[in-house]
PDB file of N, CA and C in Angstrom:
ATOM      1  N   MET A   1      72.212 190.412 211.484  1.00  0.00           N
ATOM      2  CA  MET A   1      72.642 191.566 212.238  1.00  0.00           C
ATOM      3  C   MET A   1      72.628 192.661 211.699  1.00  0.00           C
ATOM      4  N   LYS A   2      72.382 193.547 212.695  1.00  0.00           N
ATOM      5  CA  LYS A   2      72.256 194.883 212.393  1.00  0.00           C
ATOM      6  C   LYS A   2      73.790 196.048 212.092  1.00  0.00           C
ATOM      7  N   ASN A   3      73.597 196.877 210.932  1.00  0.00           N
ATOM      8  CA  ASN A   3      74.511 197.730 211.192  1.00  0.00           C
ATOM      9  C   ASN A   3      74.602 198.571 212.395  1.00  0.00           C
ATOM     10  N   ASN A   4      75.904 198.865 212.451  1.00  0.00           N
ATOM     11  CA  ASN A   4      75.812 200.071 213.507  1.00  0.00           C
ATOM     12  C   ASN A   4      76.300 201.605 212.652  1.00  0.00           C
ATOM     13  N   PRO A   5      75.359 202.398 213.169  1.00  0.00           N
ATOM     14  CA  PRO A   5      75.282 203.904 212.354  1.00  0.00           C
ATOM     15  C   PRO A   5      76.449 204.409 212.472  1.00  0.00           C
ATOM     16  N   ILE A   6      77.121 204.372 213.438  1.00  0.00           N
ATOM     17  CA  ILE A   6      78.041 205.430 213.849  1.00  0.00           C
ATOM     18  C   ILE A   6      79.415 205.246 213.240  1.00  0.00           C
ATOM     19  N   ILE A   7      79.388 203.596 212.464  1.00  0.00           N
ATOM     20  CA  ILE A   7      80.822 203.472 211.669  1.00  0.00           C
ATOM     21  C   ILE A   7      81.270 204.476 210.762  1.00  0.00           C
ATOM     22  N   PRO A   8      80.199 204.997 209.641  1.00  0.00           N
ATOM     23  CA  PRO A   8      80.454 205.627 208.778  1.00  0.00           C
ATOM     24  C   PRO A   8      81.195 207.094 209.353  1.00  0.00           C
ATOM     25  N   TYR A   9      80.508 207.339 210.388  1.00  0.00           N
ATOM     26  CA  TYR A   9      81.335 208.929 211.054  1.00  0.00           C
ATOM     27  C   TYR A   9      82.360 208.574 211.451  1.00  0.00           C
ATOM     28  N   ILE A  10      82.668 207.561 212.153  1.00  0.00           N
ATOM     29  CA  ILE A  10      84.365 207.233 212.512  1.00  0.00           C
ATOM     30  C   ILE A  10      85.229 207.238 211.238  1.00  0.00           C
ATOM     31  N   LEU A  11      84.841 206.268 210.353  1.00  0.00           N
ATOM     32  CA  LEU A  11      85.336 206.248 209.149  1.00  0.00           C
ATOM     33  C   LEU A  11      85.829 207.710 208.575  1.00  0.00           C
ATOM     34  N   ILE A  12      84.957 208.757 208.633  1.00  0.00           N
ATOM     35  CA  ILE A  12      85.395 210.257 207.965  1.00  0.00           C
ATOM     36  C   ILE A  12      86.130 210.980 208.856  1.00  0.00           C
ATOM     37  N   MET A  13      85.581 210.510 210.220  1.00  0.00           N
ATOM     38  CA  MET A  13      86.729 211.412 211.099  1.00  0.00           C
ATOM     39  C   MET A  13      88.336 210.829 210.800  1.00  0.00           C
ATOM     40  N   VAL A  14      88.535 209.451 210.750  1.00  0.00           N
ATOM     41  CA  VAL A  14      89.647 208.900 210.758  1.00  0.00           C
ATOM     42  C   VAL A  14      90.636 209.612 209.284  1.00  0.00           C
ATOM     43  N   PHE A  15      89.578 209.333 208.261  1.00  0.00           N
ATOM     44  CA  PHE A  15      90.037 210.054 207.413  1.00  0.00           C
ATOM     45  C   PHE A  15      90.392 211.532 207.055  1.00  0.00           C
ATOM     46  N   GLY A  16      89.510 212.158 207.757  1.00  0.00           N
ATOM     47  CA  GLY A  16      89.792 213.751 207.701  1.00  0.00           C
ATOM     48  C   GLY A  16      91.185 213.849 208.650  1.00  0.00           C
ATOM     49  N   ILE A  17      91.337 213.182 209.702  1.00  0.00           N
ATOM     50  CA  ILE A  17      92.476 213.452 210.754  1.00  0.00           C
ATOM     51  C   ILE A  17      93.651 212.998 209.769  1.00  0.00           C
ATOM     52  N   GLY A  18      93.431 211.942 208.893  1.00  0.00           N
ATOM     53  CA  GLY A  18      94.518 211.426 208.290  1.00  0.00           C
ATOM     54  C   GLY A  18      94.977 212.367 207.346  1.00  0.00           C
ATOM     55  N   LEU A  19      94.247 213.027 206.308  1.00  0.00           N
ATOM     56  CA  LEU A  19      94.099 213.933 205.537  1.00  0.00           C
ATOM     57  C   LEU A  19      94.862 215.342 205.883  1.00  0.00           C
ATOM     58  N   ILE A  20      94.700 215.527 207.232  1.00  0.00           N
ATOM     59  CA  ILE A  20      95.211 216.855 207.793  1.00  0.00           C
ATOM     60  C   ILE A  20      96.636 216.611 208.105  1.00  0.00           C
ATOM     61  N   PHE A  21      96.767 215.327 208.710  1.00  0.00           N
ATOM     62  CA  PHE A  21      98.433 215.089 209.194  1.00  0.00           C
ATOM     63  C   PHE A  21      99.398 215.110 208.082  1.00  0.00           C
ATOM     64  N   PHE A  22      98.654 214.612 206.733  1.00  0.00           N
ATOM     65  CA  PHE A  22      99.307 214.555 205.204  1.00  0.00           C
ATOM     66  C   PHE A  22      99.775 215.702 204.679  1.00  0.00           C
ATOM     67  N   MET A  23      98.553 216.502 204.864  1.00  0.00           N
ATOM     68  CA  MET A  23      98.850 218.039 204.213  1.00  0.00           C
ATOM     69  C   MET A  23      99.765 218.490 204.959  1.00  0.00           C
ATOM     70  N   SER A  24      99.443 218.660 206.607  1.00  0.00           N
ATOM     71  CA  SER A  24     100.834 219.503 207.264  1.00  0.00           C
ATOM     72  C   SER A  24     102.308 219.051 206.872  1.00  0.00           C
ATOM     73  N   LEU A  25     102.331 217.983 206.816  1.00  0.00           N
ATOM     74  CA  LEU A  25     103.657 217.157 206.469  1.00  0.00           C
ATOM     75  C   LEU A  25     104.346 218.043 204.824  1.00  0.00           C
ATOM     76  N   GLU A  26     102.996 218.081 204.192  1.00  0.00           N
ATOM     77  CA  GLU A  26     103.840 218.653 202.422  1.00  0.00           C
ATOM     78  C   GLU A  26     103.974 219.935 202.859  1.00  0.00           C
ATOM     79  N   GLY A  27     103.165 220.606 203.660  1.00  0.00           N
ATOM     80  CA  GLY A  27     103.379 222.204 204.082  1.00  0.00           C
ATOM     81  C   GLY A  27     104.999 222.344 204.787  1.00  0.00           C
ATOM     82  N   VAL A  28     105.158 221.603 205.620  1.00  0.00           N
ATOM     83  CA  VAL A  28     106.441 221.425 206.545  1.00  0.00           C
ATOM     84  C   VAL A  28     107.382 221.174 205.323  1.00  0.00           C
ATOM     85  N   GLY A  29     107.490 220.361 204.307  1.00  0.00           N
ATOM     86  CA  GLY A  29     108.589 220.258 203.314  1.00  0.00           C
ATOM     87  C   GLY A  29     108.660 221.440 202.169  1.00  0.00           C
ATOM     88  N   ASN A  30     107.643 221.818 202.208  1.00  0.00           N
ATOM     89  CA  ASN A  30     107.768 222.773 201.392  1.00  0.00           C
ATOM     90  C   ASN A  30     107.912 224.353 201.828  1.00  0.00           C
ATOM     91  N   LYS A  31     108.302 224.641 203.114  1.00  0.00           N
ATOM     92  CA  LYS A  31     108.111 226.084 203.775  1.00  0.00           C
ATOM     93  C   LYS A  31     109.214 226.970 202.959  1.00  0.00           C
ATOM     94  N   GLU A  32     110.136 226.799 202.577  1.00  0.00           N
ATOM     95  CA  GLU A  32     110.979 227.469 201.808  1.00  0.00           C
ATOM     96  C   GLU A  32     110.385 228.031 200.625  1.00  0.00           C
ATOM     97  N   GLU A  33     109.850 227.233 199.513  1.00  0.00           N
ATOM     98  CA  GLU A  33     109.213 227.355 198.597  1.00  0.00           C
ATOM     99  C   GLU A  33     107.729 228.402 198.938  1.00  0.00           C
ATOM    100  N   ILE A  34     107.530 227.875 199.927  1.00  0.00           N
ATOM    101  CA  ILE A  34     105.844 228.821 200.633  1.00  0.00           C
ATOM    102  C   ILE A  34     106.217 229.999 200.686  1.00  0.00           C
ATOM    103  N   ALA A  35     107.223 230.070 201.853  1.00  0.00           N
ATOM    104  CA  ALA A  35     107.964 231.460 202.009  1.00  0.00           C
ATOM    105  C   ALA A  35     108.270 232.308 200.717  1.00  0.00           C
ATOM    106  N   GLY A  36     109.190 231.695 200.038  1.00  0.00           N
ATOM    107  CA  GLY A  36     109.558 232.377 198.795  1.00  0.00           C
ATOM    108  C   GLY A  36     108.465 233.046 198.055  1.00  0.00           C
ATOM    109  N   GLY A  37     107.604 232.680 197.888  1.00  0.00           N
ATOM    110  CA  GLY A  37     106.483 233.392 197.375  1.00  0.00           C
ATOM    111  C   GLY A  37     105.681 234.780 197.708  1.00  0.00           C
ATOM    112  N   HIS A  38     105.880 234.971 198.866  1.00  0.00           N
ATOM    113  CA  HIS A  38     106.084 235.961 199.813  1.00  0.00           C
ATOM    114  C   HIS A  38     106.973 236.938 199.881  1.00  0.00           C
ATOM    115  N   GLU A  39     108.348 237.078 199.539  1.00  0.00           N
ATOM    116  CA  GLU A  39     108.868 237.699 199.572  1.00  0.00           C
ATOM    117  C   GLU A  39     108.794 239.478 198.732  1.00  0.00           C
ATOM    118  N   GLY A  40     108.852 240.279 199.394  1.00  0.00           N
ATOM    119  CA  GLY A  40     108.532 241.830 198.674  1.00  0.00           C
ATOM    120  C   GLY A  40     109.129 242.112 197.631  1.00  0.00           C
ATOM    121  N   THR A  41     108.447 242.668 196.580  1.00  0.00           N
ATOM    122  CA  THR A  41     109.096 243.442 195.256  1.00  0.00           C
ATOM    123  C   THR A  41     108.547 244.816 195.273  1.00  0.00           C
ATOM    124  N   GLU A  42     109.085 245.073 194.218  1.00  0.00           N
ATOM    125  CA  GLU A  42     108.686 246.690 193.718  1.00  0.00           C
ATOM    126  C   GLU A  42     107.145 246.431 192.995  1.00  0.00           C
ATOM    127  N   GLU A  43     107.321 245.302 192.391  1.00  0.00           N
ATOM    128  CA  GLU A  43     105.956 244.960 191.183  1.00  0.00           C
ATOM    129  C   GLU A  43     104.815 244.555 192.367  1.00  0.00           C
ATOM    130  N   GLY A  44     103.672 244.688 191.849  1.00  0.00           N
ATOM    131  CA  GLY A  44     102.296 244.394 192.453  1.00  0.00           C
ATOM    132  C   GLY A  44     101.792 245.111 193.473  1.00  0.00           C
ATOM    133  N   GLY A  45     102.284 246.193 193.645  1.00  0.00           N
ATOM    134  CA  GLY A  45     101.946 247.546 194.691  1.00  0.00           C
ATOM    135  C   GLY A  45     102.590 247.053 195.903  1.00  0.00           C
ATOM    136  N   GLU A  46     103.544 246.387 195.981  1.00  0.00           N
ATOM    137  CA  GLU A  46     104.286 246.050 197.512  1.00  0.00           C
ATOM    138  C   GLU A  46     105.552 246.986 197.498  1.00  0.00           C
ATOM    139  N   THR A  47     105.559 247.538 198.656  1.00  0.00           N
ATOM    140  CA  THR A  47     106.948 248.573 199.098  1.00  0.00           C
ATOM    141  C   THR A  47     108.283 247.681 198.992  1.00  0.00           C
ATOM    142  N   ALA A  48     108.999 248.665 199.264  1.00  0.00           N
ATOM    143  CA  ALA A  48     110.652 247.937 199.410  1.00  0.00           C
ATOM    144  C   ALA A  48     110.652 246.826 200.332  1.00  0.00           C
ATOM    145  N   GLY A  49     109.880 247.472 201.576  1.00  0.00           N
ATOM    146  CA  GLY A  49     109.908 246.516 202.840  1.00  0.00           C
ATOM    147  C   GLY A  49     108.967 245.466 202.735  1.00  0.00           C
ATOM    148  N   GLY A  50     108.288 245.112 201.362  1.00  0.00           N
ATOM    149  CA  GLY A  50     107.888 243.852 201.306  1.00  0.00           C
ATOM    150  C   GLY A  50     106.418 244.013 201.739  1.00  0.00           C
ATOM    151  N   ALA A  51     105.601 245.181 202.146  1.00  0.00           N
ATOM    152  CA  ALA A  51     104.379 244.992 202.820  1.00  0.00           C
ATOM    153  C   ALA A  51     103.657 245.543 202.062  1.00  0.00           C
ATOM    154  N   ASP A  52     102.473 244.859 201.286  1.00  0.00           N
ATOM    155  CA  ASP A  52     101.234 245.143 200.525  1.00  0.00           C
ATOM    156  C   ASP A  52     100.372 246.058 201.264  1.00  0.00           C
ATOM    157  N   GLY A  53     100.298 247.318 200.998  1.00  0.00           N
ATOM    158  CA  GLY A  53      98.980 247.904 201.658  1.00  0.00           C
ATOM    159  C   GLY A  53      97.851 247.618 201.823  1.00  0.00           C
ATOM    160  N   GLU A  54      97.604 247.623 200.368  1.00  0.00           N
ATOM    161  CA  GLU A  54      95.696 247.126 199.757  1.00  0.00           C
ATOM    162  C   GLU A  54      95.687 245.506 200.536  1.00  0.00           C
ATOM    163  N   ALA A  55      96.673 244.403 200.461  1.00  0.00           N
ATOM    164  CA  ALA A  55      96.436 243.421 200.930  1.00  0.00           C
ATOM    165  C   ALA A  55      96.398 243.617 202.570  1.00  0.00           C
ATOM    166  N   LEU A  56      97.381 244.444 203.346  1.00  0.00           N
ATOM    167  CA  LEU A  56      97.125 244.238 204.502  1.00  0.00           C
ATOM    168  C   LEU A  56      95.821 245.372 205.095  1.00  0.00           C
ATOM    169  N   VAL A  57      95.156 246.010 204.563  1.00  0.00           N
ATOM    170  CA  VAL A  57      94.081 246.894 204.994  1.00  0.00           C
ATOM    171  C   VAL A  57      92.529 245.761 205.074  1.00  0.00           C
ATOM    172  N   SER A  58      93.075 244.530 204.573  1.00  0.00           N
ATOM    173  CA  SER A  58      91.940 243.549 204.482  1.00  0.00           C
ATOM    174  C   SER A  58      91.520 243.249 206.018  1.00  0.00           C
ATOM    175  N   ALA A  59      92.597 243.530 206.924  1.00  0.00           N
ATOM    176  CA  ALA A  59      92.406 243.269 208.582  1.00  0.00           C
ATOM    177  C   ALA A  59      91.856 244.416 209.205  1.00  0.00           C
ATOM    178  N   CYS A  60      91.367 245.230 208.411  1.00  0.00           N
ATOM    179  CA  CYS A  60      91.106 246.492 208.866  1.00  0.00           C
ATOM    180  C   CYS A  60      89.310 246.650 208.756  1.00  0.00           C
ATOM    181  N   ILE A  61      88.882 245.910 207.631  1.00  0.00           N
ATOM    182  CA  ILE A  61      87.525 246.242 207.161  1.00  0.00           C
ATOM    183  C   ILE A  61      86.639 245.551 208.099  1.00  0.00           C
ATOM    184  N   GLY A  62      86.924 244.881 208.975  1.00  0.00           N
ATOM    185  CA  GLY A  62      85.759 244.373 209.752  1.00  0.00           C
ATOM    186  C   GLY A  62      85.288 245.125 210.836  1.00  0.00           C
ATOM    187  N   CYS A  63      86.419 246.019 211.013  1.00  0.00           N
ATOM    188  CA  CYS A  63      85.456 246.984 211.941  1.00  0.00           C
ATOM    189  C   CYS A  63      85.519 248.473 211.498  1.00  0.00           C
ATOM    190  N   HIS A  64      86.376 248.875 210.075  1.00  0.00           N
ATOM    191  CA  HIS A  64      86.225 250.286 209.398  1.00  0.00           C
ATOM    192  C   HIS A  64      85.359 250.159 208.222  1.00  0.00           C
ATOM    193  N   GLY A  65      84.692 248.781 207.985  1.00  0.00           N
ATOM    194  CA  GLY A  65      83.920 248.777 206.532  1.00  0.00           C
ATOM    195  C   GLY A  65      84.600 248.627 205.791  1.00  0.00           C
ATOM    196  N   GLY A  66      84.204 247.784 204.673  1.00  0.00           N
ATOM    197  CA  GLY A  66      84.541 247.093 203.420  1.00  0.00           C
ATOM    198  C   GLY A  66      85.364 248.668 202.237  1.00  0.00           C
ATOM    199  N   ASP A  67      84.937 249.685 202.460  1.00  0.00           N
ATOM    200  CA  ASP A  67      85.236 250.840 201.853  1.00  0.00           C
ATOM    201  C   ASP A  67      85.988 251.668 202.833  1.00  0.00           C
ATOM    202  N   LEU A  68      86.038 251.277 203.930  1.00  0.00           N
ATOM    203  CA  LEU A  68      87.011 252.044 204.984  1.00  0.00           C
ATOM    204  C   LEU A  68      86.408 253.484 205.624  1.00  0.00           C
ATOM    205  N   THR A  69      85.051 253.253 205.027  1.00  0.00           N
ATOM    206  CA  THR A  69      84.277 254.635 205.707  1.00  0.00           C
ATOM    207  C   THR A  69      83.640 254.755 206.906  1.00  0.00           C
ATOM    208  N   GLY A  70      84.252 253.808 207.724  1.00  0.00           N
ATOM    209  CA  GLY A  70      83.297 253.473 209.138  1.00  0.00           C
ATOM    210  C   GLY A  70      82.561 252.330 209.313  1.00  0.00           C
ATOM    211  N   GLY A  71      82.458 251.564 210.295  1.00  0.00           N
ATOM    212  CA  GLY A  71      81.916 250.663 210.669  1.00  0.00           C
ATOM    213  C   GLY A  71      81.718 250.979 212.208  1.00  0.00           C
ATOM    214  N   VAL A  72      81.990 249.873 212.910  1.00  0.00           N
ATOM    215  CA  VAL A  72      82.252 249.801 214.196  1.00  0.00           C
ATOM    216  C   VAL A  72      83.438 250.985 214.592  1.00  0.00           C
ATOM    217  N   GLY A  73      84.584 251.078 213.707  1.00  0.00           N
ATOM    218  CA  GLY A  73      85.523 251.876 213.843  1.00  0.00           C
ATOM    219  C   GLY A  73      84.878 253.094 212.956  1.00  0.00           C
ATOM    220  N   PRO A  74      86.114 254.498 213.178  1.00  0.00           N
ATOM    221  CA  PRO A  74      85.280 255.287 212.649  1.00  0.00           C
ATOM    222  C   PRO A  74      86.181 255.084 210.930  1.00  0.00           C
ATOM    223  N   SER A  75      85.350 256.214 210.296  1.00  0.00           N
ATOM    224  CA  SER A  75      86.528 256.081 208.525  1.00  0.00           C
ATOM    225  C   SER A  75      87.830 256.319 208.814  1.00  0.00           C
ATOM    226  N   LEU A  76      88.303 256.102 207.825  1.00  0.00           N
ATOM    227  CA  LEU A  76      89.967 255.839 207.630  1.00  0.00           C
ATOM    228  C   LEU A  76      90.328 256.544 206.421  1.00  0.00           C
ATOM    229  N   VAL A  77      89.247 257.067 205.832  1.00  0.00           N
ATOM    230  CA  VAL A  77      89.466 257.610 204.201  1.00  0.00           C
ATOM    231  C   VAL A  77      89.746 259.171 204.801  1.00  0.00           C
ATOM    232  N   GLY A  78      90.779 259.823 204.051  1.00  0.00           N
ATOM    233  CA  GLY A  78      91.234 261.135 204.526  1.00  0.00           C
ATOM    234  C   GLY A  78      92.118 261.557 205.863  1.00  0.00           C
ATOM    235  N   LEU A  79      92.461 260.468 206.376  1.00  0.00           N
ATOM    236  CA  LEU A  79      93.305 260.643 207.277  1.00  0.00           C
ATOM    237  C   LEU A  79      94.767 260.647 206.736  1.00  0.00           C
ATOM    238  N   GLU A  80      95.668 261.275 207.676  1.00  0.00           N
ATOM    239  CA  GLU A  80      97.086 261.761 207.348  1.00  0.00           C
ATOM    240  C   GLU A  80      97.627 260.379 207.479  1.00  0.00           C
ATOM    241  N   ALA A  81      98.881 260.259 206.279  1.00  0.00           N
ATOM    242  CA  ALA A  81      99.706 258.762 206.831  1.00  0.00           C
ATOM    243  C   ALA A  81     100.510 258.989 208.326  1.00  0.00           C
ATOM    244  N   ASP A  82     100.911 259.868 208.519  1.00  0.00           N
ATOM    245  CA  ASP A  82     101.443 260.152 209.595  1.00  0.00           C
ATOM    246  C   ASP A  82     100.458 259.680 211.073  1.00  0.00           C
ATOM    247  N   HIS A  83      99.293 259.851 211.289  1.00  0.00           N
ATOM    248  CA  HIS A  83      98.384 259.667 212.049  1.00  0.00           C
ATOM    249  C   HIS A  83      98.038 257.931 212.054  1.00  0.00           C
ATOM    250  N   ILE A  84      97.852 257.373 210.937  1.00  0.00           N
ATOM    251  CA  ILE A  84      97.859 255.842 210.799  1.00  0.00           C
ATOM    252  C   ILE A  84      98.761 255.407 211.178  1.00  0.00           C
ATOM    253  N   VAL A  85     100.103 255.583 210.780  1.00  0.00           N
ATOM    254  CA  VAL A  85     101.414 254.730 211.296  1.00  0.00           C
ATOM    255  C   VAL A  85     101.395 255.309 212.699  1.00  0.00           C
ATOM    256  N   ASP A  86     100.846 256.383 213.410  1.00  0.00           N
ATOM    257  CA  ASP A  86     100.964 256.490 214.777  1.00  0.00           C
ATOM    258  C   ASP A  86     100.273 255.308 215.595  1.00  0.00           C
ATOM    259  N   VAL A  87      98.897 255.393 214.797  1.00  0.00           N
ATOM    260  CA  VAL A  87      97.947 254.523 215.636  1.00  0.00           C
ATOM    261  C   VAL A  87      98.253 252.610 215.432  1.00  0.00           C
ATOM    262  N   LEU A  88      98.764 252.651 214.437  1.00  0.00           N
ATOM    263  CA  LEU A  88      98.970 251.416 214.192  1.00  0.00           C
ATOM    264  C   LEU A  88     100.461 250.969 215.086  1.00  0.00           C
ATOM    265  N   THR A  89     101.333 252.177 215.393  1.00  0.00           N
ATOM    266  CA  THR A  89     102.289 251.240 216.063  1.00  0.00           C
ATOM    267  C   THR A  89     102.051 251.786 217.485  1.00  0.00           C
ATOM    268  N   ASN A  90     101.408 252.735 218.007  1.00  0.00           N
ATOM    269  CA  ASN A  90     101.188 253.227 219.401  1.00  0.00           C
ATOM    270  C   ASN A  90      99.670 252.801 219.984  1.00  0.00           C
ATOM    271  N   GLY A  91      98.941 252.287 219.146  1.00  0.00           N
ATOM    272  CA  GLY A  91      97.424 252.008 219.707  1.00  0.00           C
ATOM    273  C   GLY A  91      96.742 252.948 219.860  1.00  0.00           C
ATOM    274  N   ILE A  92      95.436 252.905 220.244  1.00  0.00           N
ATOM    275  CA  ILE A  92      94.550 254.087 221.155  1.00  0.00           C
ATOM    276  C   ILE A  92      94.124 253.293 222.416  1.00  0.00           C
ATOM    277  N   GLU A  93      94.398 253.776 223.462  1.00  0.00           N
ATOM    278  CA  GLU A  93      93.640 253.281 224.781  1.00  0.00           C
ATOM    279  C   GLU A  93      92.336 253.035 224.747  1.00  0.00           C
ATOM    280  N   GLY A  94      91.976 251.812 225.340  1.00  0.00           N
ATOM    281  CA  GLY A  94      90.399 251.728 225.427  1.00  0.00           C
ATOM    282  C   GLY A  94      89.904 251.208 224.313  1.00  0.00           C
ATOM    283  N   THR A  95      90.665 251.052 223.222  1.00  0.00           N
ATOM    284  CA  THR A  95      89.800 250.309 221.845  1.00  0.00           C
ATOM    285  C   THR A  95      90.506 249.186 221.443  1.00  0.00           C
ATOM    286  N   PRO A  96      90.085 248.392 220.152  1.00  0.00           N
ATOM    287  CA  PRO A  96      90.923 247.370 219.917  1.00  0.00           C
ATOM    288  C   PRO A  96      92.130 247.653 219.374  1.00  0.00           C
ATOM    289  N   MET A  97      92.403 248.943 219.013  1.00  0.00           N
ATOM    290  CA  MET A  97      93.901 249.322 218.306  1.00  0.00           C
ATOM    291  C   MET A  97      94.958 249.407 219.549  1.00  0.00           C
ATOM    292  N   THR A  98      95.541 248.142 219.799  1.00  0.00           N
ATOM    293  CA  THR A  98      96.652 247.904 220.414  1.00  0.00           C
ATOM    294  C   THR A  98      97.975 248.583 220.480  1.00  0.00           C
ATOM    295  N   PRO A  99      98.884 248.542 221.012  1.00  0.00           N
ATOM    296  CA  PRO A  99     100.392 248.767 220.710  1.00  0.00           C
ATOM    297  C   PRO A  99     100.698 247.539 219.842  1.00  0.00           C
ATOM    298  N   GLY A 100     101.520 248.150 218.722  1.00  0.00           N
ATOM    299  CA  GLY A 100     102.261 246.972 218.048  1.00  0.00           C
ATOM    300  C   GLY A 100     101.485 245.790 217.450  1.00  0.00           C
ATOM    301  N   LEU A 101     100.518 246.650 216.572  1.00  0.00           N
ATOM    302  CA  LEU A 101      99.268 245.815 215.699  1.00  0.00           C
ATOM    303  C   LEU A 101     100.179 245.436 214.476  1.00  0.00           C
ATOM    304  N   LYS A 102     101.186 246.406 214.129  1.00  0.00           N
ATOM    305  CA  LYS A 102     101.818 246.054 212.754  1.00  0.00           C
ATOM    306  C   LYS A 102     102.844 245.993 212.735  1.00  0.00           C
ATOM    307  N   THR A 103     103.808 245.668 212.202  1.00  0.00           N
ATOM    308  CA  THR A 103     105.395 246.221 212.129  1.00  0.00           C
ATOM    309  C   THR A 103     105.384 247.577 211.414  1.00  0.00           C
ATOM    310  N   PRO A 104     106.710 248.341 211.504  1.00  0.00           N
ATOM    311  CA  PRO A 104     106.668 249.831 211.183  1.00  0.00           C
ATOM    312  C   PRO A 104     106.540 249.581 209.608  1.00  0.00           C
ATOM    313  N   ASP A 105     107.023 248.595 208.888  1.00  0.00           N
ATOM    314  CA  ASP A 105     106.923 248.575 207.348  1.00  0.00           C
ATOM    315  C   ASP A 105     105.447 248.254 206.889  1.00  0.00           C
ATOM    316  N   GLU A 106     104.819 247.244 207.421  1.00  0.00           N
ATOM    317  CA  GLU A 106     103.425 247.296 207.520  1.00  0.00           C
ATOM    318  C   GLU A 106     102.514 248.539 207.862  1.00  0.00           C
ATOM    319  N   ALA A 107     102.980 249.267 208.867  1.00  0.00           N
ATOM    320  CA  ALA A 107     102.098 250.141 209.205  1.00  0.00           C
ATOM    321  C   ALA A 107     102.170 251.252 208.176  1.00  0.00           C
ATOM    322  N   GLN A 108     103.541 251.474 207.473  1.00  0.00           N
ATOM    323  CA  GLN A 108     103.560 252.577 206.769  1.00  0.00           C
ATOM    324  C   GLN A 108     103.154 252.068 205.092  1.00  0.00           C
ATOM    325  N   ALA A 109     103.198 250.756 204.903  1.00  0.00           N
ATOM    326  CA  ALA A 109     102.302 250.703 203.342  1.00  0.00           C
ATOM    327  C   ALA A 109     100.753 250.489 203.804  1.00  0.00           C
ATOM    328  N   ILE A 110     100.183 250.488 205.046  1.00  0.00           N
ATOM    329  CA  ILE A 110      98.874 250.698 204.945  1.00  0.00           C
ATOM    330  C   ILE A 110      98.590 252.128 205.260  1.00  0.00           C
ATOM    331  N   ALA A 111      99.307 252.750 205.690  1.00  0.00           N
ATOM    332  CA  ALA A 111      99.364 254.057 205.819  1.00  0.00           C
ATOM    333  C   ALA A 111      99.334 254.893 204.462  1.00  0.00           C
ATOM    334  N   GLU A 112     100.056 254.340 203.580  1.00  0.00           N
ATOM    335  CA  GLU A 112     100.504 255.129 202.280  1.00  0.00           C
ATOM    336  C   GLU A 112      99.073 254.436 201.459  1.00  0.00           C
ATOM    337  N   TYR A 113      98.770 253.475 201.571  1.00  0.00           N
ATOM    338  CA  TYR A 113      97.484 252.970 200.808  1.00  0.00           C
ATOM    339  C   TYR A 113      96.365 253.593 201.426  1.00  0.00           C
ATOM    340  N   ILE A 114      95.886 253.929 202.470  1.00  0.00           N
ATOM    341  CA  ILE A 114      94.772 254.476 202.802  1.00  0.00           C
ATOM    342  C   ILE A 114      94.921 255.829 202.425  1.00  0.00           C
ATOM    343  N   SER A 115      95.814 256.511 202.670  1.00  0.00           N
ATOM    344  CA  SER A 115      95.896 257.866 202.475  1.00  0.00           C
ATOM    345  C   SER A 115      95.993 258.280 201.245  1.00  0.00           C
ATOM    346  N   SER A 116      95.824 257.300 200.329  1.00  0.00           N
ATOM    347  CA  SER A 116      95.652 257.471 198.554  1.00  0.00           C
ATOM    348  C   SER A 116      94.135 257.358 198.279  1.00  0.00           C
ATOM    349  N   LEU A 117      93.630 256.945 199.194  1.00  0.00           N
ATOM    350  CA  LEU A 117      92.213 256.607 198.733  1.00  0.00           C
ATOM    351  C   LEU A 117      91.493 258.063 198.726  1.00  0.00           C
ATOM    352  N   GLU A 118      90.293 258.235 198.004  1.00  0.00           N
ATOM    353  CA  GLU A 118      89.385 259.415 198.030  1.00  0.00           C
ATOM    354  C   GLU A 118      87.923 259.322 198.561  1.00  0.00           C
TER     355      GLU A 118
END
């Protein structure tokens, strides 16, 4: 009798699906604990609103470059905080910068972080 070569792949798939299911149950059971780890404090660079500008800027590096000096999008270094908040809140027509990308607290935290760069 010959072994079926597809059986190991089916076993791996079933194991993977089962693992994902049980890991998601663990996440649901600990959602309050997980959410509690993200509450904003004054320590660690977070603003009173709970937004950490440096961490939030990681979403910008895909277009504006790792050091925010430009890439597909323009350089953000040297921009005024008010302009950055305006763009994140109202967007720029015809670009990926659509209105409402960030909450007002997040936009302010990002603006403060970017405007502090030299």
